[in-house]
Each structure stands twice: as structure tokens, then as C-alpha cells.
Protein backbone atom coordinates (compact mmCIF):
# COMPACT_ATOMS: atom_id res chain seq x y z
CA UNK A 1 0.00 0.00 0.00
CA UNK A 2 1.25 3.50 -0.83
CA UNK A 3 1.45 5.63 2.28
CA UNK A 4 1.45 9.38 2.66
CA UNK A 5 3.50 11.42 5.07
CA UNK A 6 1.41 13.97 6.94
CA UNK A 7 2.81 17.11 8.61
CA UNK A 8 5.63 15.85 10.77
CA UNK A 9 7.25 18.56 12.86
CA UNK A 10 10.29 18.63 10.62
CA UNK A 11 8.11 19.27 7.59
CA UNK A 12 5.62 21.90 8.71
CA UNK A 13 4.23 24.28 11.27
CA UNK A 14 0.60 23.27 11.88
CA UNK A 15 -2.01 25.93 12.35
CA UNK A 16 -3.11 26.46 15.93
CA UNK A 17 -6.86 25.90 16.32
CA UNK A 18 -7.67 25.34 12.64
CA UNK A 19 -10.45 27.62 11.39
CA UNK A 20 -13.63 26.07 10.02
CA UNK A 21 -12.83 26.75 6.35
CA UNK A 22 -10.18 24.49 4.87
CA UNK A 23 -8.39 25.72 1.76
CA UNK A 24 -5.94 23.20 0.30
CA UNK A 25 -3.36 23.74 -2.44
CA UNK A 26 -2.04 20.71 -4.32
CA UNK A 27 1.42 21.35 -5.74
CA UNK A 28 3.88 19.03 -7.49
CA UNK A 29 6.80 20.45 -5.56
CA UNK A 30 8.74 19.81 -2.34
CA UNK A 31 7.41 23.06 -0.85
CA UNK A 32 8.81 24.73 1.27
CA UNK A 33 12.10 23.27 0.01
CA UNK A 34 11.99 24.72 -3.48
CA UNK A 35 11.85 28.26 -4.84
CA UNK A 36 9.79 29.09 -7.91
CA UNK A 37 6.91 31.25 -9.03
CA UNK A 38 4.20 28.98 -7.63
CA UNK A 39 6.06 28.45 -4.37
CA UNK A 40 6.71 32.18 -3.99
CA UNK A 41 3.01 32.87 -4.60
CA UNK A 42 1.93 30.29 -2.00
CA UNK A 43 4.45 31.42 0.60
CA UNK A 44 3.34 35.05 0.41
CA UNK A 45 -0.40 34.70 -0.08
CA UNK A 46 -1.02 32.07 2.64
CA UNK A 47 -0.61 34.36 5.70
CA UNK A 48 -3.17 36.79 4.24
CA UNK A 49 -5.60 33.92 3.63
CA UNK A 50 -5.10 32.90 7.26
CA UNK A 51 -5.99 36.42 8.37
CA UNK A 52 -9.26 36.04 6.48
CA UNK A 53 -10.23 32.93 8.42
CA UNK A 54 -8.87 30.16 6.17
CA UNK A 55 -7.01 27.06 7.32
CA UNK A 56 -4.29 26.78 4.65
CA UNK A 57 -3.06 23.28 3.78
CA UNK A 58 -0.34 22.80 1.16
CA UNK A 59 -0.11 19.25 -0.20
CA UNK A 60 3.44 18.87 -1.49
CA UNK A 61 5.80 15.90 -1.73
CA UNK A 62 8.70 14.74 0.44
CA UNK A 63 12.26 15.63 -0.47
CA UNK A 64 15.70 15.61 1.10
CA UNK A 65 16.32 19.14 -0.18
CA UNK A 66 17.06 21.81 2.42
CA UNK A 67 14.18 24.22 3.17
CA UNK A 68 14.14 27.43 1.13
CA UNK A 69 11.16 29.14 2.78
CA UNK A 70 10.63 29.38 6.52
CA UNK A 71 7.17 28.40 7.77
CA UNK A 72 7.58 30.08 11.14
CA UNK A 73 4.50 32.16 11.96
CA UNK A 74 3.07 31.51 8.49
CA UNK A 75 0.26 29.29 9.75
CA UNK A 76 0.65 26.98 6.75
CA UNK A 77 0.10 23.26 7.28
CA UNK A 78 2.25 21.21 4.92
CA UNK A 79 1.37 17.65 3.99
CA UNK A 80 4.36 15.91 2.42
CA UNK A 81 3.33 12.96 0.25
CA UNK A 82 5.57 9.97 -0.34
CA UNK A 83 7.56 10.46 -3.53
CA UNK A 84 10.12 8.74 -5.73
CA UNK A 85 11.66 12.22 -5.93
CA UNK A 86 12.67 12.17 -2.26
CA UNK A 87 16.37 11.81 -3.16
CA UNK A 88 16.38 14.87 -5.38
CA UNK A 89 19.82 14.61 -6.99
CA UNK A 90 19.47 10.85 -7.55
CA UNK A 91 16.08 11.29 -9.21
CA UNK A 92 17.40 13.97 -11.57
CA UNK A 93 20.35 11.76 -12.53
CA UNK A 94 18.11 8.73 -13.09
CA UNK A 95 15.72 10.83 -15.15
CA UNK A 96 18.56 12.00 -17.39
CA UNK A 97 19.83 8.44 -17.83
CA UNK A 98 16.31 7.33 -18.80
CA UNK A 99 16.05 10.22 -21.28
CA UNK A 100 13.30 11.79 -19.21
CA UNK A 101 11.09 8.69 -19.08
CA UNK A 102 11.29 8.46 -15.27
CA UNK A 103 9.99 12.01 -15.00
CA UNK A 104 7.01 11.23 -17.24
CA UNK A 105 6.31 8.02 -15.33
CA UNK A 106 6.11 10.03 -12.11
CA UNK A 107 4.07 12.84 -13.70
CA UNK A 108 1.38 10.64 -15.20
CA UNK A 109 1.27 7.53 -13.04
CA UNK A 110 3.14 7.41 -9.72
CA UNK A 111 2.42 10.92 -8.41
CA UNK A 112 -1.27 10.99 -9.49
CA UNK A 113 -1.91 7.64 -7.76
CA UNK A 114 -0.26 8.77 -4.51
CA UNK A 115 -2.08 12.12 -4.59
CA UNK A 116 -5.50 10.62 -5.40
CA UNK A 117 -5.20 8.16 -2.47
CA UNK A 118 -4.50 11.10 -0.14
CA UNK A 119 -7.34 13.21 -1.60
CA UNK A 120 -9.86 10.40 -1.18
CA UNK A 121 -8.79 9.80 2.41
CA UNK A 122 -8.61 13.49 3.33
CA UNK A 123 -10.91 15.37 0.91
CA UNK A 124 -10.50 19.15 1.35
CA UNK A 125 -13.55 21.37 1.37
CA UNK A 126 -11.77 23.60 -1.11
CA UNK A 127 -8.95 22.47 -3.39
CA UNK A 128 -6.77 24.57 -5.69
CA UNK A 129 -4.48 22.61 -8.04
CA UNK A 130 -1.38 24.64 -8.81
CA UNK A 131 -1.21 23.33 -12.39
CA UNK A 132 -3.42 21.29 -14.71
CA UNK A 133 -0.83 18.51 -14.81
CA UNK A 134 -0.10 16.53 -12.78
CA UNK A 135 -2.06 18.16 -9.92
CA UNK A 136 -5.31 18.64 -11.82
CA UNK A 137 -5.01 15.13 -13.23
CA UNK A 138 -4.73 13.71 -9.69
CA UNK A 139 -7.80 15.64 -8.51
CA UNK A 140 -9.79 14.55 -11.56
CA UNK A 141 -8.89 10.89 -10.98
CA UNK A 142 -9.73 11.22 -7.28
CA UNK A 143 -13.18 12.55 -8.14
CA UNK A 144 -12.98 15.57 -5.82
CA UNK A 145 -14.10 19.10 -6.80
CA UNK A 146 -11.16 21.26 -7.80
CA UNK A 147 -10.05 24.65 -9.08
CA UNK A 148 -6.97 24.94 -11.30
CA UNK A 149 -4.47 27.78 -11.16
CA UNK A 150 -2.67 28.04 -14.51
CA UNK A 151 0.74 29.67 -14.87
CA UNK A 152 2.06 29.74 -18.41
CA UNK A 153 1.92 26.96 -20.98
CA UNK A 154 2.23 23.78 -18.92
CA UNK A 155 1.76 21.30 -21.77
CA UNK A 156 4.50 22.93 -23.81
CA UNK A 157 6.84 23.11 -20.85
CA UNK A 158 6.39 19.44 -19.91
CA UNK A 159 6.97 18.37 -23.52
CA UNK A 160 10.13 20.45 -23.88
CA UNK A 161 12.37 17.42 -24.62
CA UNK A 162 9.85 15.51 -26.73
CA UNK A 163 7.83 17.93 -28.84
CA UNK A 164 5.62 15.15 -30.24
CA UNK A 165 4.15 14.79 -26.73
CA UNK A 166 2.79 18.33 -26.73
CA UNK A 167 -0.40 17.50 -28.65
CA UNK A 168 -1.59 14.65 -26.37
CA UNK A 169 -0.67 16.70 -23.32
CA UNK A 170 -2.66 19.63 -24.69
CA UNK A 171 -5.64 17.30 -25.18
CA UNK A 172 -5.34 16.14 -21.57
CA UNK A 173 -4.88 19.71 -20.27
CA UNK A 174 -8.09 20.89 -21.98
CA UNK A 175 -10.15 18.08 -20.48
CA UNK A 176 -8.77 18.65 -16.99
CA UNK A 177 -9.53 22.37 -17.23
CA UNK A 178 -13.05 21.83 -18.59
CA UNK A 179 -13.89 19.63 -15.59
CA UNK A 180 -12.56 22.20 -13.13
CA UNK A 181 -15.08 24.23 -11.16
CA UNK A 182 -13.02 27.31 -11.92
CA UNK A 183 -9.85 28.13 -13.84
CA UNK A 184 -7.57 30.89 -12.56
CA UNK A 185 -4.94 32.58 -14.74
CA UNK A 186 -1.98 34.36 -13.17
CA UNK A 187 -1.72 36.94 -15.93
CA UNK A 188 -3.37 38.27 -19.08
CA UNK A 189 -0.87 36.37 -21.22
CA UNK A 190 -1.96 33.08 -19.63
CA UNK A 191 -5.61 34.11 -19.90
CA UNK A 192 -5.20 34.87 -23.60
CA UNK A 193 -3.59 31.48 -24.26
CA UNK A 194 -6.41 29.70 -22.46
CA UNK A 195 -8.92 31.53 -24.65
CA UNK A 196 -7.23 30.09 -27.74
CA UNK A 197 -7.92 26.54 -26.50
CA UNK A 198 -11.51 27.34 -25.57
CA UNK A 199 -11.07 27.65 -21.79
CA UNK A 200 -12.53 30.61 -19.90
CA UNK A 201 -10.57 31.82 -16.88
CA UNK A 202 -10.54 34.45 -14.17
CA UNK A 203 -7.52 36.61 -13.44
CA UNK A 204 -5.82 36.13 -10.06
CA UNK A 205 -2.45 37.80 -10.60
CA UNK A 206 0.95 37.39 -9.07
CA UNK A 207 1.72 39.71 -6.21
CA UNK A 208 4.49 41.54 -4.41
CA UNK A 209 5.37 42.45 -0.84
CA UNK A 210 5.20 46.15 -1.61
CA UNK A 211 6.31 47.31 1.81
CA UNK A 212 9.43 45.16 1.82
CA UNK A 213 10.57 45.99 -1.70
CA UNK A 214 9.70 49.68 -1.63
CA UNK A 215 11.68 50.21 1.59
CA UNK A 216 14.55 47.86 0.74
CA UNK A 217 13.99 45.81 3.90
CA UNK A 218 15.46 42.35 4.32
CA UNK A 219 18.78 40.50 4.60
CA UNK A 220 21.72 41.78 2.58
CA UNK A 221 23.47 38.52 1.77
CA UNK A 222 24.42 39.06 -1.86
CA UNK A 223 24.73 42.84 -2.18
CA UNK A 224 28.38 43.15 -1.11
CA UNK A 225 29.47 40.48 -3.62
CA UNK A 226 27.70 42.36 -6.41
CA UNK A 227 29.35 45.62 -5.37
CA UNK A 228 32.81 44.04 -5.51
CA UNK A 229 32.20 42.60 -8.98
CA UNK A 230 30.64 45.83 -10.28
CA UNK A 231 33.60 47.94 -9.11
CA UNK A 232 31.62 51.16 -9.48
CA UNK A 233 29.87 50.24 -12.74
CA UNK A 234 26.06 50.35 -13.04
CA UNK A 235 24.40 46.98 -12.43
CA UNK A 236 21.83 45.43 -14.75
CA UNK A 237 19.94 42.72 -12.84
CA UNK A 238 18.61 39.54 -14.44
CA UNK A 239 16.65 37.56 -11.81
CA UNK A 240 15.21 34.27 -13.06
CA UNK A 241 15.92 30.57 -13.46
CA UNK A 242 18.88 29.93 -15.75
CA UNK A 243 16.91 28.58 -18.71
CA UNK A 244 16.53 29.63 -22.33
CA UNK A 245 12.76 29.90 -21.87
CA UNK A 246 13.47 32.45 -19.12
CA UNK A 247 15.67 34.42 -21.51
CA UNK A 248 19.07 33.65 -20.00
CA UNK A 249 20.63 33.22 -23.46
CA UNK A 250 19.14 36.47 -24.75
CA UNK A 251 20.30 38.32 -21.63
CA UNK A 252 23.87 37.38 -22.56
CA UNK A 253 23.33 38.46 -26.18
CA UNK A 254 22.00 41.76 -24.82
CA UNK A 255 25.19 42.15 -22.77
CA UNK A 256 27.27 41.56 -25.91
CA UNK A 257 25.33 44.32 -27.70
CA UNK A 258 25.94 46.70 -24.80
CA UNK A 259 29.65 45.96 -24.81
CA UNK A 260 29.78 46.69 -28.56
CA UNK A 261 28.19 50.09 -27.83
CA UNK A 262 30.93 50.86 -25.31
CA UNK A 263 28.58 50.90 -22.32
CA UNK A 264 30.09 50.37 -18.87
CA UNK A 265 28.01 47.85 -16.90
CA UNK A 266 27.81 44.58 -14.99
CA UNK A 267 25.08 42.09 -15.84
CA UNK A 268 24.26 40.28 -12.57
CA UNK A 269 22.67 36.91 -13.41
CA UNK A 270 20.81 35.77 -10.29
CA UNK A 271 18.81 32.54 -10.03
CA UNK A 272 18.88 28.78 -9.75
CA UNK A 273 19.59 26.35 -12.57
CA UNK A 274 22.48 25.03 -14.64
CA UNK A 275 24.68 27.97 -15.61
CA UNK A 276 27.18 25.88 -17.65
CA UNK A 277 25.88 26.63 -21.18
CA UNK A 278 25.39 30.31 -20.38
CA UNK A 279 28.83 30.73 -18.87
CA UNK A 280 30.27 29.09 -21.97
CA UNK A 281 28.39 31.44 -24.28
CA UNK A 282 29.36 34.45 -22.19
CA UNK A 283 33.03 33.49 -22.43
CA UNK A 284 32.75 32.92 -26.20
CA UNK A 285 31.40 36.45 -26.60
CA UNK A 286 34.25 37.95 -24.59
CA UNK A 287 32.03 38.99 -21.69
CA UNK A 288 34.31 37.92 -18.83
CA UNK A 289 34.02 40.68 -16.23
CA UNK A 290 30.83 42.01 -17.83
CA UNK A 291 28.58 39.07 -16.92
CA UNK A 292 28.66 37.40 -13.51
CA UNK A 293 26.58 34.51 -12.18
CA UNK A 294 25.57 34.72 -8.51
CA UNK A 295 23.31 31.69 -8.11
CA UNK A 296 20.06 31.44 -6.20
CA UNK A 297 19.37 33.87 -3.36
CA UNK A 298 16.66 34.67 -0.84
CA UNK A 299 17.86 38.30 -0.66
CA UNK A 300 16.37 39.60 -3.93
CA UNK A 301 15.82 42.99 -2.27
CA UNK A 302 19.58 43.33 -1.81
CA UNK A 303 20.15 42.66 -5.51
CA UNK A 304 17.58 45.26 -6.55
CA UNK A 305 19.07 47.83 -4.16
CA UNK A 306 22.26 47.69 -6.23
CA UNK A 307 20.56 47.65 -9.65
CA UNK A 308 20.36 50.59 -12.02
CA UNK A 309 18.22 48.57 -14.46
CA UNK A 310 16.14 45.40 -14.18
CA UNK A 311 16.19 43.23 -17.32
CA UNK A 312 13.03 41.12 -17.77
CA UNK A 313 13.46 38.85 -20.73
CA UNK A 314 11.38 35.70 -20.16
CA UNK A 315 9.65 34.31 -23.23
CA UNK A 316 6.48 33.09 -21.47
CA UNK A 317 5.12 31.54 -18.24
CA UNK A 318 2.72 34.15 -16.94
CA UNK A 319 2.93 37.56 -15.31
CA UNK A 320 6.49 38.20 -14.15
CA UNK A 321 6.84 38.23 -10.37
CA UNK A 322 10.45 39.42 -10.56
CA UNK A 323 9.37 42.39 -12.71
CA UNK A 324 6.73 43.26 -10.09
CA UNK A 325 9.41 43.16 -7.41
CA UNK A 326 11.69 45.44 -9.42
CA UNK A 327 8.81 47.85 -10.00
CA UNK A 328 7.98 47.89 -6.27
CA UNK A 329 11.67 48.51 -5.50
CA UNK A 330 11.70 51.56 -7.80
CA UNK A 331 14.19 50.03 -10.26
CA UNK A 332 13.81 51.08 -13.93
CA UNK A 333 12.53 48.14 -15.98
CA UNK A 334 13.64 47.08 -19.46
CA UNK A 335 11.71 44.07 -20.71
CA UNK A 336 10.84 41.89 -23.66
CA UNK A 337 7.82 43.20 -25.55
CA UNK A 338 5.48 40.32 -24.74
CA UNK A 339 2.34 40.18 -22.57
CA UNK A 340 4.39 38.74 -19.69
CA UNK A 341 5.70 42.28 -19.21
CA UNK A 342 3.50 44.60 -21.32
CA UNK A 343 0.53 43.86 -19.03
CA UNK A 344 2.59 45.61 -16.31
CA UNK A 345 4.72 48.12 -18.22
CA UNK A 346 3.56 50.91 -20.55
CA UNK A 347 6.39 51.34 -23.07
CA UNK A 348 8.06 54.73 -22.74
CA UNK A 349 5.97 55.66 -19.69
CA UNK A 350 6.69 53.21 -16.88
CA UNK A 351 9.53 51.29 -18.55
CA UNK A 352 10.99 50.35 -21.91
CA UNK A 353 10.14 47.31 -24.04
CA UNK A 354 12.19 45.70 -26.80
CA UNK A 355 11.64 42.84 -29.23
CA UNK A 356 15.15 41.37 -29.39
CA UNK A 357 18.57 41.60 -27.70
CA UNK A 358 19.68 44.54 -29.85
CA UNK A 359 16.56 46.58 -28.99
CA UNK A 360 16.78 45.60 -25.33
CA UNK A 361 20.44 46.67 -25.24
CA UNK A 362 19.48 50.07 -26.65
CA UNK A 363 16.76 50.38 -24.00
CA UNK A 364 19.28 49.58 -21.24
CA UNK A 365 21.73 52.11 -22.68
CA UNK A 366 18.99 54.76 -22.77
CA UNK A 367 18.14 54.17 -19.10
CA UNK A 368 21.81 54.45 -18.13
CA UNK A 369 22.36 57.58 -20.28
CA UNK A 370 19.43 59.47 -18.78
CA UNK A 371 19.04 58.69 -15.06
CA UNK A 372 16.36 61.39 -14.69
CA UNK A 373 14.09 59.78 -17.28
CA UNK A 374 14.81 56.36 -15.77
CA UNK A 375 13.80 57.55 -12.27
CA UNK A 376 10.56 59.06 -13.61
CA UNK A 377 9.62 55.81 -15.34
CA UNK A 378 10.53 53.82 -12.23
CA UNK A 379 8.32 56.03 -10.04
CA UNK A 380 5.32 55.46 -12.31
CA UNK A 381 5.99 51.71 -12.32
CA UNK A 382 6.28 51.69 -8.53
CA UNK A 383 2.86 53.33 -8.18
CA UNK A 384 1.37 50.61 -10.35
CA UNK A 385 3.08 47.81 -8.39
CA UNK A 386 1.23 48.94 -5.26
CA UNK A 387 -1.97 47.54 -6.84
CA UNK A 388 -0.46 44.03 -6.61
CA UNK A 389 0.31 44.03 -2.89
CA UNK A 390 -0.34 40.57 -1.42
CA UNK A 391 -3.37 41.47 0.75
CA UNK A 392 -5.18 42.68 -2.37
CA UNK A 393 -4.26 39.56 -4.36
CA UNK A 394 -5.45 37.34 -1.49
CA UNK A 395 -8.82 39.07 -1.52
CA UNK A 396 -9.11 38.64 -5.30
CA UNK A 397 -8.45 34.90 -4.88
CA UNK A 398 -11.08 34.48 -2.17
CA UNK A 399 -13.63 36.50 -4.16
CA UNK A 400 -13.10 34.17 -7.12
CA UNK A 401 -13.34 31.01 -5.01
CA UNK A 402 -16.47 32.23 -3.26
CA UNK A 403 -18.39 33.04 -6.43
CA UNK A 404 -21.33 30.72 -6.98
CA UNK A 405 -20.53 28.94 -3.68
CA UNK A 406 -17.28 27.58 -5.10
CA UNK A 407 -15.90 25.17 -4.03
CA UNK A 408 -18.51 22.66 -2.82
CA UNK A 409 -17.54 20.34 0.01
CA UNK A 410 -15.97 17.13 -1.17
CA UNK A 411 -17.06 13.81 0.20
């Protein structure tokens, strides 16, 4: 029999005197041991849901990774399901050796079975699946009512190594979403994509801790390292996972364009992921000393405090949380001209948008040439970021879930 591991003291901080209303989030992640957009969203929105009388339960999976987020005083209950991904590094190695087949086996068979057993034994009164697959698939198989939160193009992302799998995964995604009681999109770009596949959705955006970022509060773990590497030069901050889909390759091409223009700068590449191919490309382009990789950090505020420009260059995956944080911090934003950013930034008014690395480099150079114009744009962007403060986003989420009595009690 497959067992589940429920909230041991090492895994969670249970809520004291659980409120009557149970709101559960199902996430294919070792939360709170992993940082990402969905995890960031959960970590920040949960305390505000608690303040509104919700008992917040996050159903994650077990992992030997070290915790990234602290659950102290958050009031989040974490249920850690049994998982073949417990030994994180070993699983990733085995998945590579099996050409990704182990990952797909877990996504479409092992994890859904484990999750559905838990959901049938402990059906939540309200359930939000943090992706259509595999979370929505597990809820559908379990026969419990569910809402799906969609962030970017999940089917395309899952099929990244085997493009022929995208069509069947899209078919499955559509059916999972059509059986959901409600579909939530984290940005207008995601909402627009869902419309193209015939799925209606409501907008529950990403958010930002406006007070923290606008005041520059928080630990300063990485700032001094950036200052040493910059050696007095203006810093352009790229904050994202080191992946091509997140624009890491184009960020380096942008840096090459800036160097050709004779601009003095340091491109600070901050985020998790394999930096090997990007370091290689940076060296090939003669960018040693112009591009530095600083790895993952929990002190994003410290990075933004040193930045003269924030470079947002992701190609998809929903409203950019890092761009919102830069806006709240009052850092001038240069971004790719796609809905990921244009839903937040008005080109020439609250930031600058470009279509390719050459245009983005010119935008960065313009910001650095005219600090007065850059500050004015940043101030307008900061005013807009205030609308996405976490308490407001939490209320939007609850309003959506409470429409039409959603979600009915499972049982």
C-alpha cells in the first residue's frame, strides 16, 4: 500500500486551532524546500488567507532538499506525500539516464496515484491545483471538486524534450480544465492562451510584498558580492531561473550588444539552474568581467538595491513576479515586448520594451544615459506595483473562489 506522510514537525508548522474553512493547495513540488513562481506565490499569499479565516493546507511531496522558505509564523500546514523524488539529486540523474522517461512516469502515473489516495482519504472542502498537470489530473482521478491555477503553458513546458508529446498533453490539459469548477490565470498572457484553447478563466495575478521591496527591507546577503564585482559600474539585474525559456541566453546576447556600444556595466545573473551553457556562451562572446553569475538567493531585495536597471526577458510563463518586485523597488525596468511584461509596463511611460537583444540593449543604454528619465519611469511603475500588494491579491483569490458557492464540500 502507498502511504502518505502527513505534517511531521520537521516538515511543517501546523495551524493552531484550525479555522472552520479548509483551503488546500495541491502542488507538485517539495514546498517549502523549493523556490519558484508557484512556491513564492503560496508562501506570500497564505498568511493573508489565514488572516481572512482560512485554514491553509499545502499538499506537497517529500524531499531531502534543504528548506528554502521558513514556515515560522506563516500558519501553513504542509502535507508531504511519499515520492520517488525524495532523493532529489538521484532522481534527476536517473531521469537524465532514462532520457526523461522516469519524469514522465512520475508525472502521469506514480504521483497521481499517490495524490488521489490522499485526496480520497482526506478530501479538502476547497482544493486549488497549482497546475493542470499533474495536480489537476490527480484531482480529476480522485473525483474531488477542484479549481486549477494556470501559470504559463504547462503542456509545452512538460513536452520540452519531446515535442511530439505536446499535442496529447494539450488534449489532456483541456479536459482537466473543462472539468474544473473554476480556472484561474496568473496573468493576461496566460488568460489569452487559455482563450485560444476554448477555456474561460478568471484573473488572479501574481503579487508583491510592496512594503518590503519599496523600503529595501530584508537580509543583505548578496549585495556586497555584487558591489565588488561591479567595481563602481552600473548593475543590470537579471533575476530568473537559468533557462533559455526564461531568456538567460538572450540576456547574454544583450550584454554583448551593450559591450559593442561601449557601455560600462555589470550584468548580474541571479537565479537557480544550470549555468554551464550560459557561462560558456558568455566566455565565447568575450564577456568575462561584464557578466557574472551569482546563483540562487533569498535576498532579492539586496540585488535590486544595487541595480540601475532590471532586465526582464522571459519568453512566457505568466505575469512576471520578478518584474513586479523590481517595480515595487523603484528600479527602472527594461523588458521583452510580450504580454508577460507589457501587461505591467507601458512602453516609454513606466519602462521600456524591446523585441530582441539589440533593442533591449538600446533600451538599457537609454536608461543608463538618462538617469532622470529612468527615475521618472521607475516612479510610475512603482505606483502601479502597489496595486499588486499581497493582501489585495489574497482578496481577489477568495472572491473568485467564493463566487457561486465555489468550491462545494468534497465527500
